[in-house]
Amino acid sequence: MATVKNDTSSVDEGVRQSKPVAQLASPPSAFAPATRTYRDKLYTSRTLILTDNRTLAVVAGQVTVPADDTAALDCLHQHPDLEPLE
């Protein structure tokens, strides 16, 4: 028969309990994909159709795309009614 021993010292428990929760959790932005946001200077709501037939929704005067979506970024950059937000 096997014996199970839980070897947890009180020093380890004290260290674990003294750390604030904020230090234990990683920040949410560490896992969020990079995005680029553009402001629509003319409309607060519309649908943009890209050259590859994908659509982008302008919501509340803004449209956000992944930073690595070169086709969408090219379209947004060339559009006269859109300006990048920094």
N, C-alpha and C. Protein backbone atom coordinates (compact mmCIF):
# COMPACT_ATOMS: atom_id res chain seq x y z
N MET A 1 0.85 -1.17 0.00
CA MET A 1 0.00 0.00 0.00
C MET A 1 0.89 1.23 0.00
N ALA A 2 0.54 2.25 -0.80
CA ALA A 2 1.34 3.46 -0.92
C ALA A 2 0.91 4.48 0.12
N THR A 3 1.88 5.22 0.58
CA THR A 3 1.61 6.29 1.53
C THR A 3 1.74 7.62 0.82
N VAL A 4 0.77 8.48 0.99
CA VAL A 4 0.80 9.80 0.38
C VAL A 4 1.13 10.81 1.46
N LYS A 5 2.14 11.61 1.17
CA LYS A 5 2.55 12.62 2.14
C LYS A 5 2.39 13.99 1.49
N ASN A 6 1.62 14.83 2.11
CA ASN A 6 1.48 16.21 1.66
C ASN A 6 2.50 17.05 2.42
N ASP A 7 3.56 17.43 1.74
CA ASP A 7 4.63 18.19 2.38
C ASP A 7 4.50 19.66 1.99
N THR A 8 3.69 20.37 2.73
CA THR A 8 3.51 21.78 2.48
C THR A 8 3.96 22.52 3.73
N SER A 9 5.01 23.27 3.60
CA SER A 9 5.50 23.99 4.77
C SER A 9 4.69 25.25 4.98
N SER A 10 4.65 25.70 6.20
CA SER A 10 3.90 26.91 6.51
C SER A 10 4.55 28.15 5.90
N VAL A 11 5.85 28.10 5.63
CA VAL A 11 6.53 29.23 5.00
C VAL A 11 6.03 29.39 3.57
N ASP A 12 5.90 28.27 2.84
CA ASP A 12 5.39 28.33 1.47
C ASP A 12 3.97 28.88 1.43
N GLU A 13 3.14 28.43 2.36
CA GLU A 13 1.77 28.91 2.38
C GLU A 13 1.71 30.40 2.68
N GLY A 14 2.55 30.86 3.58
CA GLY A 14 2.57 32.28 3.92
C GLY A 14 2.98 33.13 2.74
N VAL A 15 3.92 32.65 1.95
CA VAL A 15 4.36 33.40 0.78
C VAL A 15 3.26 33.43 -0.26
N ARG A 16 2.62 32.30 -0.49
CA ARG A 16 1.55 32.24 -1.48
C ARG A 16 0.37 33.13 -1.08
N GLN A 17 0.04 33.14 0.19
CA GLN A 17 -1.11 33.91 0.63
C GLN A 17 -0.82 35.40 0.67
N SER A 18 0.44 35.78 0.81
CA SER A 18 0.75 37.20 0.93
C SER A 18 0.81 37.91 -0.42
N LYS A 19 0.86 37.18 -1.53
CA LYS A 19 0.91 37.81 -2.85
C LYS A 19 -0.46 38.33 -3.23
N PRO A 20 -0.55 39.57 -3.69
CA PRO A 20 -1.84 40.08 -4.17
C PRO A 20 -2.28 39.34 -5.43
N VAL A 21 -3.57 39.29 -5.64
CA VAL A 21 -4.12 38.61 -6.80
C VAL A 21 -3.62 39.24 -8.09
N ALA A 22 -3.42 40.55 -8.09
CA ALA A 22 -2.97 41.24 -9.30
C ALA A 22 -1.61 40.74 -9.76
N GLN A 23 -0.76 40.32 -8.85
CA GLN A 23 0.55 39.81 -9.23
C GLN A 23 0.46 38.40 -9.78
N LEU A 24 -0.51 37.64 -9.34
CA LEU A 24 -0.63 36.26 -9.79
C LEU A 24 -1.25 36.17 -11.18
N ALA A 25 -2.14 37.07 -11.50
CA ALA A 25 -2.81 37.03 -12.80
C ALA A 25 -2.01 37.83 -13.81
N SER A 26 -1.94 37.31 -15.03
CA SER A 26 -1.25 38.06 -16.09
C SER A 26 -2.20 39.11 -16.64
N PRO A 27 -1.67 40.21 -17.12
CA PRO A 27 -2.53 41.27 -17.65
C PRO A 27 -3.28 40.80 -18.89
N PRO A 28 -4.54 41.22 -19.07
CA PRO A 28 -5.31 40.76 -20.22
C PRO A 28 -4.72 41.22 -21.54
N SER A 29 -4.02 42.34 -21.56
CA SER A 29 -3.46 42.84 -22.80
C SER A 29 -2.32 41.96 -23.31
N ALA A 30 -1.76 41.11 -22.45
CA ALA A 30 -0.66 40.25 -22.87
C ALA A 30 -1.14 39.22 -23.89
N PHE A 31 -2.41 38.88 -23.87
CA PHE A 31 -2.93 37.86 -24.77
C PHE A 31 -3.80 38.44 -25.88
N ALA A 32 -4.11 39.71 -25.80
CA ALA A 32 -4.96 40.33 -26.82
C ALA A 32 -4.16 40.57 -28.10
N PRO A 33 -4.75 40.22 -29.23
CA PRO A 33 -4.03 40.47 -30.49
C PRO A 33 -3.92 41.96 -30.76
N ALA A 34 -2.86 42.35 -31.45
CA ALA A 34 -2.67 43.75 -31.80
C ALA A 34 -3.70 44.16 -32.85
N THR A 35 -4.27 45.33 -32.68
CA THR A 35 -5.27 45.82 -33.61
C THR A 35 -4.96 47.26 -34.02
N ARG A 36 -5.59 47.69 -35.09
CA ARG A 36 -5.50 49.07 -35.56
C ARG A 36 -6.93 49.58 -35.69
N THR A 37 -7.16 50.79 -35.22
CA THR A 37 -8.48 51.39 -35.27
C THR A 37 -8.45 52.65 -36.12
N TYR A 38 -9.46 52.79 -36.95
CA TYR A 38 -9.61 53.97 -37.80
C TYR A 38 -10.91 54.67 -37.44
N ARG A 39 -10.92 55.98 -37.56
CA ARG A 39 -12.12 56.79 -37.32
C ARG A 39 -12.73 57.16 -38.66
N ASP A 40 -14.04 56.95 -38.74
CA ASP A 40 -14.78 57.34 -39.94
C ASP A 40 -15.21 58.79 -39.75
N LYS A 41 -14.73 59.68 -40.61
CA LYS A 41 -15.01 61.11 -40.49
C LYS A 41 -16.38 61.48 -41.05
N LEU A 42 -17.04 60.57 -41.75
CA LEU A 42 -18.29 60.90 -42.41
C LEU A 42 -19.50 60.17 -41.82
N TYR A 43 -19.34 58.88 -41.52
CA TYR A 43 -20.46 58.07 -41.04
C TYR A 43 -20.16 57.48 -39.66
N THR A 44 -21.22 57.30 -38.87
CA THR A 44 -21.07 56.61 -37.59
C THR A 44 -21.35 55.12 -37.73
N SER A 45 -22.01 54.73 -38.81
CA SER A 45 -22.34 53.33 -39.04
C SER A 45 -22.43 53.06 -40.53
N ARG A 46 -21.65 52.10 -40.99
CA ARG A 46 -21.71 51.65 -42.39
C ARG A 46 -20.92 50.37 -42.54
N THR A 47 -21.03 49.75 -43.70
CA THR A 47 -20.29 48.53 -44.01
C THR A 47 -19.32 48.83 -45.14
N LEU A 48 -18.05 48.51 -44.92
CA LEU A 48 -17.02 48.68 -45.94
C LEU A 48 -16.77 47.32 -46.59
N ILE A 49 -16.69 47.28 -47.90
CA ILE A 49 -16.43 46.04 -48.62
C ILE A 49 -15.01 46.10 -49.16
N LEU A 50 -14.19 45.13 -48.76
CA LEU A 50 -12.80 45.08 -49.19
C LEU A 50 -12.69 44.48 -50.59
N THR A 51 -11.52 44.60 -51.19
CA THR A 51 -11.30 44.06 -52.54
C THR A 51 -11.42 42.55 -52.60
N ASP A 52 -11.21 41.86 -51.47
CA ASP A 52 -11.36 40.40 -51.44
C ASP A 52 -12.76 39.98 -50.98
N ASN A 53 -13.72 40.92 -51.06
CA ASN A 53 -15.14 40.70 -50.74
C ASN A 53 -15.44 40.47 -49.26
N ARG A 54 -14.50 40.73 -48.40
CA ARG A 54 -14.79 40.71 -46.96
C ARG A 54 -15.42 42.04 -46.59
N THR A 55 -16.14 42.05 -45.48
CA THR A 55 -16.77 43.29 -45.03
C THR A 55 -16.21 43.71 -43.67
N LEU A 56 -16.16 45.01 -43.48
CA LEU A 56 -15.76 45.59 -42.20
C LEU A 56 -16.89 46.50 -41.74
N ALA A 57 -17.26 46.40 -40.49
CA ALA A 57 -18.35 47.21 -39.95
C ALA A 57 -17.80 48.43 -39.24
N VAL A 58 -18.31 49.58 -39.62
CA VAL A 58 -18.03 50.82 -38.89
C VAL A 58 -19.11 50.92 -37.82
N VAL A 59 -18.69 50.96 -36.57
CA VAL A 59 -19.61 51.03 -35.44
C VAL A 59 -19.19 52.21 -34.57
N ALA A 60 -20.12 53.07 -34.26
CA ALA A 60 -19.86 54.27 -33.46
C ALA A 60 -18.74 55.10 -34.06
N GLY A 61 -18.68 55.12 -35.38
CA GLY A 61 -17.69 55.94 -36.07
C GLY A 61 -16.29 55.37 -36.10
N GLN A 62 -16.14 54.08 -35.73
CA GLN A 62 -14.82 53.46 -35.72
C GLN A 62 -14.86 52.07 -36.32
N VAL A 63 -13.74 51.68 -36.91
CA VAL A 63 -13.57 50.33 -37.43
C VAL A 63 -12.21 49.83 -36.96
N THR A 64 -12.19 48.59 -36.46
CA THR A 64 -10.96 48.01 -35.91
C THR A 64 -10.65 46.72 -36.65
N VAL A 65 -9.37 46.55 -37.02
CA VAL A 65 -8.92 45.36 -37.73
C VAL A 65 -7.65 44.84 -37.08
N PRO A 66 -7.34 43.55 -37.25
CA PRO A 66 -6.07 43.03 -36.74
C PRO A 66 -4.89 43.73 -37.40
N ALA A 67 -3.83 43.94 -36.65
CA ALA A 67 -2.66 44.65 -37.16
C ALA A 67 -1.95 43.90 -38.27
N ASP A 68 -2.17 42.60 -38.39
CA ASP A 68 -1.50 41.83 -39.44
C ASP A 68 -2.37 41.62 -40.68
N ASP A 69 -3.54 42.24 -40.73
CA ASP A 69 -4.44 42.13 -41.88
C ASP A 69 -4.06 43.22 -42.89
N THR A 70 -3.10 42.91 -43.75
CA THR A 70 -2.57 43.92 -44.67
C THR A 70 -3.60 44.38 -45.69
N ALA A 71 -4.46 43.49 -46.15
CA ALA A 71 -5.48 43.88 -47.13
C ALA A 71 -6.44 44.91 -46.54
N ALA A 72 -6.89 44.67 -45.32
CA ALA A 72 -7.81 45.61 -44.67
C ALA A 72 -7.11 46.92 -44.36
N LEU A 73 -5.87 46.84 -43.89
CA LEU A 73 -5.13 48.07 -43.56
C LEU A 73 -4.88 48.91 -44.80
N ASP A 74 -4.56 48.28 -45.91
CA ASP A 74 -4.36 49.02 -47.16
C ASP A 74 -5.64 49.74 -47.58
N CYS A 75 -6.76 49.05 -47.49
CA CYS A 75 -8.04 49.65 -47.86
C CYS A 75 -8.38 50.82 -46.94
N LEU A 76 -8.21 50.63 -45.64
CA LEU A 76 -8.53 51.69 -44.69
C LEU A 76 -7.61 52.89 -44.85
N HIS A 77 -6.34 52.62 -45.11
CA HIS A 77 -5.37 53.71 -45.27
C HIS A 77 -5.67 54.56 -46.51
N GLN A 78 -6.15 53.92 -47.57
CA GLN A 78 -6.42 54.63 -48.82
C GLN A 78 -7.79 55.32 -48.85
N HIS A 79 -8.66 54.95 -47.93
CA HIS A 79 -10.02 55.51 -47.95
C HIS A 79 -10.00 56.97 -47.50
N PRO A 80 -10.60 57.87 -48.27
CA PRO A 80 -10.53 59.30 -47.94
C PRO A 80 -11.32 59.70 -46.69
N ASP A 81 -12.30 58.90 -46.27
CA ASP A 81 -13.12 59.25 -45.11
C ASP A 81 -12.59 58.67 -43.80
N LEU A 82 -11.50 57.93 -43.86
CA LEU A 82 -10.99 57.25 -42.67
C LEU A 82 -9.63 57.80 -42.28
N GLU A 83 -9.43 57.91 -40.96
CA GLU A 83 -8.12 58.33 -40.46
C GLU A 83 -7.72 57.42 -39.30
N PRO A 84 -6.44 57.05 -39.22
CA PRO A 84 -6.00 56.16 -38.15
C PRO A 84 -6.02 56.86 -36.79
N LEU A 85 -6.38 56.11 -35.78
CA LEU A 85 -6.32 56.60 -34.40
C LEU A 85 -5.04 56.07 -33.77
N GLU A 86 -4.36 56.90 -33.08
CA GLU A 86 -3.11 56.47 -32.44
C GLU A 86 -3.24 56.40 -30.95
